[in-house]
């Protein structure tokens, strides 16, 4: 494994840790969104939404892209996953995916 790849993986782990620590702040900023795994798992078990793993397998990520953060947002049009994706250069972008059918919402 190259040094760049090790750095990228470490950076991703650090970003994820910071994201998990800041759940209350993120939840307040994004009303109707949660990263609470228990809430998401319960919705998956009830068959209301697809799991994040299923969604990740359906979307087409570019080589080098990683999902930095995934939130489940309940909207009037239906639940969606709000994904923050980061590439190898550290550039972030947002992607919204329908949590029921897995289609990317533009």
PDB file of N, CA and C in Angstrom:
ATOM      1  N   UNK A   1       0.851  -1.175   0.000  1.00  0.00           N
ATOM      2  CA  UNK A   1       0.000   0.000   0.000  1.00  0.00           C
ATOM      3  C   UNK A   1       0.898   1.239   0.000  1.00  0.00           C
ATOM      4  N   UNK A   2       0.558   2.203  -0.846  1.00  0.00           N
ATOM      5  CA  UNK A   2       1.372   3.405  -0.958  1.00  0.00           C
ATOM      6  C   UNK A   2       1.113   4.343   0.221  1.00  0.00           C
ATOM      7  N   UNK A   3       2.036   5.267   0.417  1.00  0.00           N
ATOM      8  CA  UNK A   3       1.881   6.243   1.502  1.00  0.00           C
ATOM      9  C   UNK A   3       0.647   7.102   1.283  1.00  0.00           C
ATOM     10  N   UNK A   4       0.378   7.452   0.011  1.00  0.00           N
ATOM     11  CA  UNK A   4      -0.791   8.288  -0.287  1.00  0.00           C
ATOM     12  C   UNK A   4      -2.080   7.557   0.083  1.00  0.00           C
ATOM     13  N   UNK A   5      -2.142   6.284  -0.241  1.00  0.00           N
ATOM     14  CA  UNK A   5      -3.342   5.496   0.065  1.00  0.00           C
ATOM     15  C   UNK A   5      -3.517   5.346   1.583  1.00  0.00           C
ATOM     16  N   UNK A   6      -2.420   5.124   2.296  1.00  0.00           N
ATOM     17  CA  UNK A   6      -2.484   5.023   3.762  1.00  0.00           C
ATOM     18  C   UNK A   6      -2.951   6.348   4.349  1.00  0.00           C
ATOM     19  N   UNK A   7      -2.409   7.462   3.838  1.00  0.00           N
ATOM     20  CA  UNK A   7      -2.825   8.779   4.311  1.00  0.00           C
ATOM     21  C   UNK A   7      -4.310   8.990   4.066  1.00  0.00           C
ATOM     22  N   UNK A   8      -4.768   8.638   2.861  1.00  0.00           N
ATOM     23  CA  UNK A   8      -6.189   8.822   2.532  1.00  0.00           C
ATOM     24  C   UNK A   8      -7.097   8.002   3.448  1.00  0.00           C
ATOM     25  N   UNK A   9      -6.697   6.790   3.736  1.00  0.00           N
ATOM     26  CA  UNK A   9      -7.506   5.957   4.634  1.00  0.00           C
ATOM     27  C   UNK A   9      -7.513   6.518   6.053  1.00  0.00           C
ATOM     28  N   UNK A  10      -6.357   6.981   6.514  1.00  0.00           N
ATOM     29  CA  UNK A  10      -6.297   7.579   7.853  1.00  0.00           C
ATOM     30  C   UNK A  10      -7.141   8.847   7.910  1.00  0.00           C
ATOM     31  N   UNK A  11      -7.064   9.659   6.868  1.00  0.00           N
ATOM     32  CA  UNK A  11      -7.854  10.892   6.825  1.00  0.00           C
ATOM     33  C   UNK A  11      -9.341  10.563   6.846  1.00  0.00           C
ATOM     34  N   UNK A  12      -9.741   9.526   6.112  1.00  0.00           N
ATOM     35  CA  UNK A  12     -11.151   9.127   6.092  1.00  0.00           C
ATOM     36  C   UNK A  12     -11.603   8.688   7.481  1.00  0.00           C
ATOM     37  N   UNK A  13     -10.783   7.908   8.165  1.00  0.00           N
ATOM     38  CA  UNK A  13     -11.125   7.454   9.515  1.00  0.00           C
ATOM     39  C   UNK A  13     -11.261   8.642  10.458  1.00  0.00           C
ATOM     40  N   UNK A  14     -10.360   9.594  10.355  1.00  0.00           N
ATOM     41  CA  UNK A  14     -10.417  10.775  11.218  1.00  0.00           C
ATOM     42  C   UNK A  14     -11.678  11.580  10.933  1.00  0.00           C
ATOM     43  N   UNK A  15     -11.980  11.786   9.635  1.00  0.00           N
ATOM     44  CA  UNK A  15     -13.197  12.514   9.270  1.00  0.00           C
ATOM     45  C   UNK A  15     -14.440  11.813   9.803  1.00  0.00           C
ATOM     46  N   UNK A  16     -14.484  10.482   9.696  1.00  0.00           N
ATOM     47  CA  UNK A  16     -15.646   9.727  10.184  1.00  0.00           C
ATOM     48  C   UNK A  16     -15.771   9.864  11.702  1.00  0.00           C
ATOM     49  N   UNK A  17     -14.642   9.811  12.406  1.00  0.00           N
ATOM     50  CA  UNK A  17     -14.681   9.953  13.859  1.00  0.00           C
ATOM     51  C   UNK A  17     -15.213  11.326  14.255  1.00  0.00           C
ATOM     52  N   UNK A  18     -14.740  12.361  13.588  1.00  0.00           N
ATOM     53  CA  UNK A  18     -15.222  13.715  13.872  1.00  0.00           C
ATOM     54  C   UNK A  18     -16.715  13.811  13.565  1.00  0.00           C
ATOM     55  N   UNK A  19     -17.136  13.207  12.462  1.00  0.00           N
ATOM     56  CA  UNK A  19     -18.551  13.243  12.089  1.00  0.00           C
ATOM     57  C   UNK A  19     -19.407  12.558  13.151  1.00  0.00           C
ATOM     58  N   UNK A  20     -18.952  11.418  13.656  1.00  0.00           N
ATOM     59  CA  UNK A  20     -19.720  10.701  14.670  1.00  0.00           C
ATOM     60  C   UNK A  20     -19.763  11.463  15.991  1.00  0.00           C
ATOM     61  N   UNK A  21     -18.683  12.141  16.324  1.00  0.00           N
ATOM     62  CA  UNK A  21     -18.644  12.912  17.560  1.00  0.00           C
ATOM     63  C   UNK A  21     -19.590  14.108  17.478  1.00  0.00           C
ATOM     64  N   UNK A  22     -19.750  14.671  16.280  1.00  0.00           N
ATOM     65  CA  UNK A  22     -20.547  15.882  16.124  1.00  0.00           C
ATOM     66  C   UNK A  22     -21.991  15.597  15.716  1.00  0.00           C
ATOM     67  N   UNK A  23     -22.513  14.423  16.011  1.00  0.00           N
ATOM     68  CA  UNK A  23     -23.882  14.068  15.630  1.00  0.00           C
ATOM     69  C   UNK A  23     -24.906  15.078  16.132  1.00  0.00           C
ATOM     70  N   UNK A  24     -24.907  15.482  17.415  1.00  0.00           N
ATOM     71  CA  UNK A  24     -25.929  16.434  17.838  1.00  0.00           C
ATOM     72  C   UNK A  24     -25.887  17.752  17.064  1.00  0.00           C
ATOM     73  N   UNK A  25     -24.694  18.266  16.790  1.00  0.00           N
ATOM     74  CA  UNK A  25     -24.567  19.498  16.029  1.00  0.00           C
ATOM     75  C   UNK A  25     -25.075  19.305  14.610  1.00  0.00           C
ATOM     76  N   UNK A  26     -24.688  18.214  13.977  1.00  0.00           N
ATOM     77  CA  UNK A  26     -25.121  17.944  12.607  1.00  0.00           C
ATOM     78  C   UNK A  26     -26.628  17.757  12.560  1.00  0.00           C
ATOM     79  N   UNK A  27     -27.172  17.102  13.558  1.00  0.00           N
ATOM     80  CA  UNK A  27     -28.612  16.870  13.575  1.00  0.00           C
ATOM     81  C   UNK A  27     -29.363  18.186  13.696  1.00  0.00           C
ATOM     82  N   UNK A  28     -28.850  19.098  14.491  1.00  0.00           N
ATOM     83  CA  UNK A  28     -29.509  20.393  14.649  1.00  0.00           C
ATOM     84  C   UNK A  28     -29.420  21.214  13.363  1.00  0.00           C
ATOM     85  N   UNK A  29     -28.304  21.104  12.662  1.00  0.00           N
ATOM     86  CA  UNK A  29     -28.130  21.864  11.431  1.00  0.00           C
ATOM     87  C   UNK A  29     -28.974  21.311  10.294  1.00  0.00           C
ATOM     88  N   UNK A  30     -29.157  20.016  10.245  1.00  0.00           N
ATOM     89  CA  UNK A  30     -29.904  19.368   9.171  1.00  0.00           C
ATOM     90  C   UNK A  30     -31.178  18.764   9.754  1.00  0.00           C
ATOM     91  N   UNK A  31     -32.131  19.604  10.058  1.00  0.00           N
ATOM     92  CA  UNK A  31     -33.383  19.135  10.653  1.00  0.00           C
ATOM     93  C   UNK A  31     -33.996  18.074   9.760  1.00  0.00           C
ATOM     94  N   UNK A  32     -34.406  16.996  10.382  1.00  0.00           N
ATOM     95  CA  UNK A  32     -35.000  15.894   9.629  1.00  0.00           C
ATOM     96  C   UNK A  32     -33.990  14.869   9.163  1.00  0.00           C
ATOM     97  N   UNK A  33     -32.703  15.079   9.462  1.00  0.00           N
ATOM     98  CA  UNK A  33     -31.657  14.145   9.056  1.00  0.00           C
ATOM     99  C   UNK A  33     -31.012  13.526  10.289  1.00  0.00           C
ATOM    100  N   UNK A  34     -30.573  12.293  10.130  1.00  0.00           N
ATOM    101  CA  UNK A  34     -29.907  11.611  11.240  1.00  0.00           C
ATOM    102  C   UNK A  34     -28.823  10.688  10.715  1.00  0.00           C
ATOM    103  N   UNK A  35     -27.799  10.487  11.528  1.00  0.00           N
ATOM    104  CA  UNK A  35     -26.784   9.479  11.260  1.00  0.00           C
ATOM    105  C   UNK A  35     -26.866   8.385  12.333  1.00  0.00           C
ATOM    106  N   UNK A  36     -27.934   8.404  13.104  1.00  0.00           N
ATOM    107  CA  UNK A  36     -28.141   7.428  14.169  1.00  0.00           C
ATOM    108  C   UNK A  36     -28.358   6.048  13.559  1.00  0.00           C
ATOM    109  N   UNK A  37     -27.399   5.170  13.742  1.00  0.00           N
ATOM    110  CA  UNK A  37     -27.461   3.836  13.132  1.00  0.00           C
ATOM    111  C   UNK A  37     -28.656   3.032  13.611  1.00  0.00           C
ATOM    112  N   UNK A  38     -29.064   3.224  14.844  1.00  0.00           N
ATOM    113  CA  UNK A  38     -30.217   2.469  15.362  1.00  0.00           C
ATOM    114  C   UNK A  38     -31.490   2.867  14.623  1.00  0.00           C
ATOM    115  N   UNK A  39     -31.659   4.161  14.365  1.00  0.00           N
ATOM    116  CA  UNK A  39     -32.832   4.650  13.634  1.00  0.00           C
ATOM    117  C   UNK A  39     -32.826   4.096  12.214  1.00  0.00           C
ATOM    118  N   UNK A  40     -31.663   4.165  11.571  1.00  0.00           N
ATOM    119  CA  UNK A  40     -31.542   3.686  10.195  1.00  0.00           C
ATOM    120  C   UNK A  40     -31.761   2.173  10.133  1.00  0.00           C
ATOM    121  N   UNK A  41     -31.145   1.428  11.046  1.00  0.00           N
ATOM    122  CA  UNK A  41     -31.300  -0.029  11.045  1.00  0.00           C
ATOM    123  C   UNK A  41     -32.752  -0.444  11.272  1.00  0.00           C
ATOM    124  N   UNK A  42     -33.458   0.265  12.145  1.00  0.00           N
ATOM    125  CA  UNK A  42     -34.864  -0.050  12.389  1.00  0.00           C
ATOM    126  C   UNK A  42     -35.691   0.166  11.124  1.00  0.00           C
ATOM    127  N   UNK A  43     -35.447   1.258  10.409  1.00  0.00           N
ATOM    128  CA  UNK A  43     -36.170   1.529   9.163  1.00  0.00           C
ATOM    129  C   UNK A  43     -35.856   0.471   8.103  1.00  0.00           C
ATOM    130  N   UNK A  44     -34.609   0.012   8.061  1.00  0.00           N
ATOM    131  CA  UNK A  44     -34.223  -1.049   7.118  1.00  0.00           C
ATOM    132  C   UNK A  44     -34.932  -2.345   7.488  1.00  0.00           C
ATOM    133  N   UNK A  45     -34.942  -2.693   8.782  1.00  0.00           N
ATOM    134  CA  UNK A  45     -35.592  -3.928   9.243  1.00  0.00           C
ATOM    135  C   UNK A  45     -37.088  -3.922   8.955  1.00  0.00           C
ATOM    136  N   UNK A  46     -37.711  -2.750   9.035  1.00  0.00           N
ATOM    137  CA  UNK A  46     -39.145  -2.645   8.745  1.00  0.00           C
ATOM    138  C   UNK A  46     -39.423  -2.666   7.241  1.00  0.00           C
ATOM    139  N   UNK A  47     -38.373  -2.580   6.432  1.00  0.00           N
ATOM    140  CA  UNK A  47     -38.544  -2.574   4.983  1.00  0.00           C
ATOM    141  C   UNK A  47     -38.948  -1.224   4.423  1.00  0.00           C
ATOM    142  N   UNK A  48     -38.786  -0.172   5.227  1.00  0.00           N
ATOM    143  CA  UNK A  48     -39.161   1.171   4.787  1.00  0.00           C
ATOM    144  C   UNK A  48     -38.135   1.773   3.839  1.00  0.00           C
ATOM    145  N   UNK A  49     -36.863   1.399   4.023  1.00  0.00           N
ATOM    146  CA  UNK A  49     -35.776   1.919   3.198  1.00  0.00           C
ATOM    147  C   UNK A  49     -34.782   0.807   2.907  1.00  0.00           C
ATOM    148  N   UNK A  50     -33.898   1.064   1.941  1.00  0.00           N
ATOM    149  CA  UNK A  50     -32.798   0.146   1.675  1.00  0.00           C
ATOM    150  C   UNK A  50     -31.661   0.454   2.643  1.00  0.00           C
ATOM    151  N   UNK A  51     -30.819  -0.521   2.862  1.00  0.00           N
ATOM    152  CA  UNK A  51     -29.662  -0.292   3.722  1.00  0.00           C
ATOM    153  C   UNK A  51     -28.651   0.572   2.985  1.00  0.00           C
ATOM    154  N   UNK A  52     -27.767   1.187   3.748  1.00  0.00           N
ATOM    155  CA  UNK A  52     -26.724   2.009   3.146  1.00  0.00           C
ATOM    156  C   UNK A  52     -25.843   1.160   2.235  1.00  0.00           C
ATOM    157  N   UNK A  53     -25.559  -0.082   2.622  1.00  0.00           N
ATOM    158  CA  UNK A  53     -24.725  -0.968   1.800  1.00  0.00           C
ATOM    159  C   UNK A  53     -25.395  -1.209   0.446  1.00  0.00           C
ATOM    160  N   UNK A  54     -26.709  -1.438   0.439  1.00  0.00           N
ATOM    161  CA  UNK A  54     -27.427  -1.626  -0.818  1.00  0.00           C
ATOM    162  C   UNK A  54     -27.351  -0.363  -1.677  1.00  0.00           C
ATOM    163  N   UNK A  55     -27.549   0.782  -1.039  1.00  0.00           N
ATOM    164  CA  UNK A  55     -27.495   2.060  -1.759  1.00  0.00           C
ATOM    165  C   UNK A  55     -26.099   2.275  -2.345  1.00  0.00           C
ATOM    166  N   UNK A  56     -25.077   2.036  -1.541  1.00  0.00           N
ATOM    167  CA  UNK A  56     -23.693   2.254  -1.997  1.00  0.00           C
ATOM    168  C   UNK A  56     -23.372   1.358  -3.187  1.00  0.00           C
ATOM    169  N   UNK A  57     -23.907   0.146  -3.209  1.00  0.00           N
ATOM    170  CA  UNK A  57     -23.671  -0.754  -4.330  1.00  0.00           C
ATOM    171  C   UNK A  57     -24.399  -0.300  -5.597  1.00  0.00           C
ATOM    172  N   UNK A  58     -25.472   0.462  -5.453  1.00  0.00           N
ATOM    173  CA  UNK A  58     -26.255   0.900  -6.606  1.00  0.00           C
ATOM    174  C   UNK A  58     -25.714   2.166  -7.256  1.00  0.00           C
ATOM    175  N   UNK A  59     -25.128   3.057  -6.455  1.00  0.00           N
ATOM    176  CA  UNK A  59     -24.631   4.309  -7.030  1.00  0.00           C
ATOM    177  C   UNK A  59     -23.273   4.073  -7.668  1.00  0.00           C
ATOM    178  N   UNK A  60     -22.971   4.883  -8.642  1.00  0.00           N
ATOM    179  CA  UNK A  60     -21.698   4.762  -9.353  1.00  0.00           C
ATOM    180  C   UNK A  60     -20.733   5.810  -8.813  1.00  0.00           C
ATOM    181  N   UNK A  61     -19.778   5.347  -8.019  1.00  0.00           N
ATOM    182  CA  UNK A  61     -18.744   6.253  -7.519  1.00  0.00           C
ATOM    183  C   UNK A  61     -17.558   6.226  -8.471  1.00  0.00           C
ATOM    184  N   UNK A  62     -16.909   7.361  -8.612  1.00  0.00           N
ATOM    185  CA  UNK A  62     -15.719   7.437  -9.446  1.00  0.00           C
ATOM    186  C   UNK A  62     -14.569   6.745  -8.718  1.00  0.00           C
ATOM    187  N   UNK A  63     -13.586   6.224  -9.461  1.00  0.00           N
ATOM    188  CA  UNK A  63     -12.425   5.622  -8.806  1.00  0.00           C
ATOM    189  C   UNK A  63     -11.781   6.622  -7.843  1.00  0.00           C
ATOM    190  N   UNK A  64     -11.492   6.191  -6.646  1.00  0.00           N
ATOM    191  CA  UNK A  64     -10.883   7.056  -5.638  1.00  0.00           C
ATOM    192  C   UNK A  64     -11.883   7.763  -4.744  1.00  0.00           C
ATOM    193  N   UNK A  65     -13.177   7.724  -5.099  1.00  0.00           N
ATOM    194  CA  UNK A  65     -14.206   8.349  -4.265  1.00  0.00           C
ATOM    195  C   UNK A  65     -14.527   7.467  -3.061  1.00  0.00           C
ATOM    196  N   UNK A  66     -14.799   8.129  -1.935  1.00  0.00           N
ATOM    197  CA  UNK A  66     -15.208   7.425  -0.715  1.00  0.00           C
ATOM    198  C   UNK A  66     -16.370   8.191  -0.096  1.00  0.00           C
ATOM    199  N   UNK A  67     -17.277   7.450   0.506  1.00  0.00           N
ATOM    200  CA  UNK A  67     -18.382   8.096   1.212  1.00  0.00           C
ATOM    201  C   UNK A  67     -17.858   8.503   2.576  1.00  0.00           C
ATOM    202  N   UNK A  68     -17.842   9.798   2.815  1.00  0.00           N
ATOM    203  CA  UNK A  68     -17.331  10.345   4.070  1.00  0.00           C
ATOM    204  C   UNK A  68     -18.419  10.362   5.129  1.00  0.00           C
ATOM    205  N   UNK A  69     -19.643  10.662   4.714  1.00  0.00           N
ATOM    206  CA  UNK A  69     -20.757  10.769   5.658  1.00  0.00           C
ATOM    207  C   UNK A  69     -22.037  10.373   4.942  1.00  0.00           C
ATOM    208  N   UNK A  70     -22.894   9.692   5.662  1.00  0.00           N
ATOM    209  CA  UNK A  70     -24.208   9.327   5.127  1.00  0.00           C
ATOM    210  C   UNK A  70     -25.249   9.639   6.181  1.00  0.00           C
ATOM    211  N   UNK A  71     -26.231  10.461   5.802  1.00  0.00           N
ATOM    212  CA  UNK A  71     -27.324  10.808   6.698  1.00  0.00           C
ATOM    213  C   UNK A  71     -28.620  10.353   6.056  1.00  0.00           C
ATOM    214  N   UNK A  72     -29.544   9.902   6.874  1.00  0.00           N
ATOM    215  CA  UNK A  72     -30.881   9.582   6.397  1.00  0.00           C
ATOM    216  C   UNK A  72     -31.759  10.790   6.686  1.00  0.00           C
ATOM    217  N   UNK A  73     -32.354  11.354   5.648  1.00  0.00           N
ATOM    218  CA  UNK A  73     -33.192  12.542   5.795  1.00  0.00           C
ATOM    219  C   UNK A  73     -34.627  12.191   5.421  1.00  0.00           C
ATOM    220  N   UNK A  74     -35.556  12.607   6.273  1.00  0.00           N
ATOM    221  CA  UNK A  74     -36.968  12.390   6.002  1.00  0.00           C
ATOM    222  C   UNK A  74     -37.513  13.687   5.424  1.00  0.00           C
ATOM    223  N   UNK A  75     -37.964  13.632   4.190  1.00  0.00           N
ATOM    224  CA  UNK A  75     -38.477  14.793   3.467  1.00  0.00           C
ATOM    225  C   UNK A  75     -39.917  14.520   3.039  1.00  0.00           C
ATOM    226  N   UNK A  76     -40.689  15.556   2.710  1.00  0.00           N
ATOM    227  CA  UNK A  76     -42.062  15.351   2.248  1.00  0.00           C
ATOM    228  C   UNK A  76     -42.151  14.408   1.038  1.00  0.00           C
ATOM    229  N   UNK A  77     -41.153  14.459   0.162  1.00  0.00           N
ATOM    230  CA  UNK A  77     -41.152  13.598  -1.024  1.00  0.00           C
ATOM    231  C   UNK A  77     -40.729  12.172  -0.706  1.00  0.00           C
ATOM    232  N   UNK A  78     -40.276  11.930   0.512  1.00  0.00           N
ATOM    233  CA  UNK A  78     -39.839  10.599   0.927  1.00  0.00           C
ATOM    234  C   UNK A  78     -38.431  10.625   1.491  1.00  0.00           C
ATOM    235  N   UNK A  79     -38.008   9.527   2.119  1.00  0.00           N
ATOM    236  CA  UNK A  79     -36.688   9.486   2.745  1.00  0.00           C
ATOM    237  C   UNK A  79     -35.572   9.434   1.706  1.00  0.00           C
ATOM    238  N   UNK A  80     -34.460  10.075   2.043  1.00  0.00           N
ATOM    239  CA  UNK A  80     -33.300  10.024   1.158  1.00  0.00           C
ATOM    240  C   UNK A  80     -32.033   9.955   1.983  1.00  0.00           C
ATOM    241  N   UNK A  81     -30.995   9.406   1.363  1.00  0.00           N
ATOM    242  CA  UNK A  81     -29.674   9.420   1.965  1.00  0.00           C
ATOM    243  C   UNK A  81     -28.945  10.642   1.412  1.00  0.00           C
ATOM    244  N   UNK A  82     -28.473  11.507   2.290  1.00  0.00           N
ATOM    245  CA  UNK A  82     -27.641  12.643   1.910  1.00  0.00           C
ATOM    246  C   UNK A  82     -26.199  12.204   2.139  1.00  0.00           C
ATOM    247  N   UNK A  83     -25.478  12.002   1.054  1.00  0.00           N
ATOM    248  CA  UNK A  83     -24.120  11.493   1.124  1.00  0.00           C
ATOM    249  C   UNK A  83     -23.113  12.612   0.896  1.00  0.00           C
ATOM    250  N   UNK A  84     -22.045  12.594   1.671  1.00  0.00           N
ATOM    251  CA  UNK A  84     -20.906  13.461   1.425  1.00  0.00           C
ATOM    252  C   UNK A  84     -19.805  12.550   0.918  1.00  0.00           C
ATOM    253  N   UNK A  85     -19.343  12.833  -0.293  1.00  0.00           N
ATOM    254  CA  UNK A  85     -18.341  11.999  -0.948  1.00  0.00           C
ATOM    255  C   UNK A  85     -17.064  12.807  -1.081  1.00  0.00           C
ATOM    256  N   UNK A  86     -15.928  12.180  -0.800  1.00  0.00           N
ATOM    257  CA  UNK A  86     -14.636  12.845  -0.916  1.00  0.00           C
ATOM    258  C   UNK A  86     -13.766  12.042  -1.888  1.00  0.00           C
ATOM    259  N   UNK A  87     -13.004  12.758  -2.718  1.00  0.00           N
ATOM    260  CA  UNK A  87     -12.123  12.061  -3.651  1.00  0.00           C
ATOM    261  C   UNK A  87     -10.701  12.022  -3.090  1.00  0.00           C
ATOM    262  N   UNK A  88      -9.782  11.445  -3.862  1.00  0.00           N
ATOM    263  CA  UNK A  88      -8.387  11.309  -3.404  1.00  0.00           C
ATOM    264  C   UNK A  88      -7.709  12.648  -3.136  1.00  0.00           C
ATOM    265  N   UNK A  89      -8.203  13.722  -3.754  1.00  0.00           N
ATOM    266  CA  UNK A  89      -7.616  15.054  -3.553  1.00  0.00           C
ATOM    267  C   UNK A  89      -8.254  15.798  -2.393  1.00  0.00           C
ATOM    268  N   UNK A  90      -9.207  15.177  -1.706  1.00  0.00           N
ATOM    269  CA  UNK A  90      -9.859  15.799  -0.567  1.00  0.00           C
ATOM    270  C   UNK A  90     -11.031  16.699  -0.927  1.00  0.00           C
ATOM    271  N   UNK A  91     -11.437  16.686  -2.195  1.00  0.00           N
ATOM    272  CA  UNK A  91     -12.561  17.507  -2.630  1.00  0.00           C
ATOM    273  C   UNK A  91     -13.864  16.791  -2.292  1.00  0.00           C
ATOM    274  N   UNK A  92     -14.753  17.513  -1.606  1.00  0.00           N
ATOM    275  CA  UNK A  92     -16.034  16.939  -1.196  1.00  0.00           C
ATOM    276  C   UNK A  92     -17.144  17.336  -2.160  1.00  0.00           C
ATOM    277  N   UNK A  93     -18.128  16.452  -2.286  1.00  0.00           N
ATOM    278  CA  UNK A  93     -19.343  16.776  -3.031  1.00  0.00           C
ATOM    279  C   UNK A  93     -20.507  16.069  -2.346  1.00  0.00           C
ATOM    280  N   UNK A  94     -21.695  16.602  -2.566  1.00  0.00           N
ATOM    281  CA  UNK A  94     -22.914  16.036  -1.973  1.00  0.00           C
ATOM    282  C   UNK A  94     -23.668  15.252  -3.035  1.00  0.00           C
ATOM    283  N   UNK A  95     -24.308  14.181  -2.592  1.00  0.00           N
ATOM    284  CA  UNK A  95     -25.120  13.363  -3.472  1.00  0.00           C
ATOM    285  C   UNK A  95     -26.342  12.918  -2.685  1.00  0.00           C
ATOM    286  N   UNK A  96     -27.529  13.171  -3.225  1.00  0.00           N
ATOM    287  CA  UNK A  96     -28.764  12.730  -2.584  1.00  0.00           C
ATOM    288  C   UNK A  96     -29.299  11.513  -3.314  1.00  0.00           C
ATOM    289  N   UNK A  97     -29.640  10.478  -2.549  1.00  0.00           N
ATOM    290  CA  UNK A  97     -30.108   9.223  -3.128  1.00  0.00           C
ATOM    291  C   UNK A  97     -31.406   8.829  -2.455  1.00  0.00           C
ATOM    292  N   UNK A  98     -32.420   8.497  -3.256  1.00  0.00           N
ATOM    293  CA  UNK A  98     -33.702   8.040  -2.736  1.00  0.00           C
ATOM    294  C   UNK A  98     -33.460   6.777  -1.900  1.00  0.00           C
ATOM    295  N   UNK A  99     -33.861   6.794  -0.647  1.00  0.00           N
ATOM    296  CA  UNK A  99     -33.594   5.683   0.270  1.00  0.00           C
ATOM    297  C   UNK A  99     -34.477   4.475  -0.014  1.00  0.00           C
ATOM    298  N   UNK A 100     -35.546   4.665  -0.784  1.00  0.00           N
ATOM    299  CA  UNK A 100     -36.452   3.555  -1.083  1.00  0.00           C
ATOM    300  C   UNK A 100     -36.007   2.803  -2.332  1.00  0.00           C
ATOM    301  N   UNK A 101     -35.740   3.549  -3.419  1.00  0.00           N
ATOM    302  CA  UNK A 101     -35.416   2.870  -4.680  1.00  0.00           C
ATOM    303  C   UNK A 101     -33.954   2.972  -5.105  1.00  0.00           C
ATOM    304  N   UNK A 102     -33.160   3.780  -4.428  1.00  0.00           N
ATOM    305  CA  UNK A 102     -31.732   3.874  -4.715  1.00  0.00           C
ATOM    306  C   UNK A 102     -31.357   4.756  -5.886  1.00  0.00           C
ATOM    307  N   UNK A 103     -32.313   5.529  -6.403  1.00  0.00           N
ATOM    308  CA  UNK A 103     -32.009   6.404  -7.528  1.00  0.00           C
ATOM    309  C   UNK A 103     -31.417   7.719  -7.035  1.00  0.00           C
ATOM    310  N   UNK A 104     -30.432   8.213  -7.786  1.00  0.00           N
ATOM    311  CA  UNK A 104     -29.801   9.497  -7.464  1.00  0.00           C
ATOM    312  C   UNK A 104     -30.800  10.604  -7.754  1.00  0.00           C
ATOM    313  N   UNK A 105     -30.933  11.526  -6.796  1.00  0.00           N
ATOM    314  CA  UNK A 105     -31.830  12.668  -6.941  1.00  0.00           C
ATOM    315  C   UNK A 105     -30.989  13.869  -7.316  1.00  0.00           C
ATOM    316  N   UNK A 106     -31.317  14.503  -8.393  1.00  0.00           N
ATOM    317  CA  UNK A 106     -30.556  15.662  -8.872  1.00  0.00           C
ATOM    318  C   UNK A 106     -31.050  16.928  -8.248  1.00  0.00           C
TER     319      UNK A 106
END
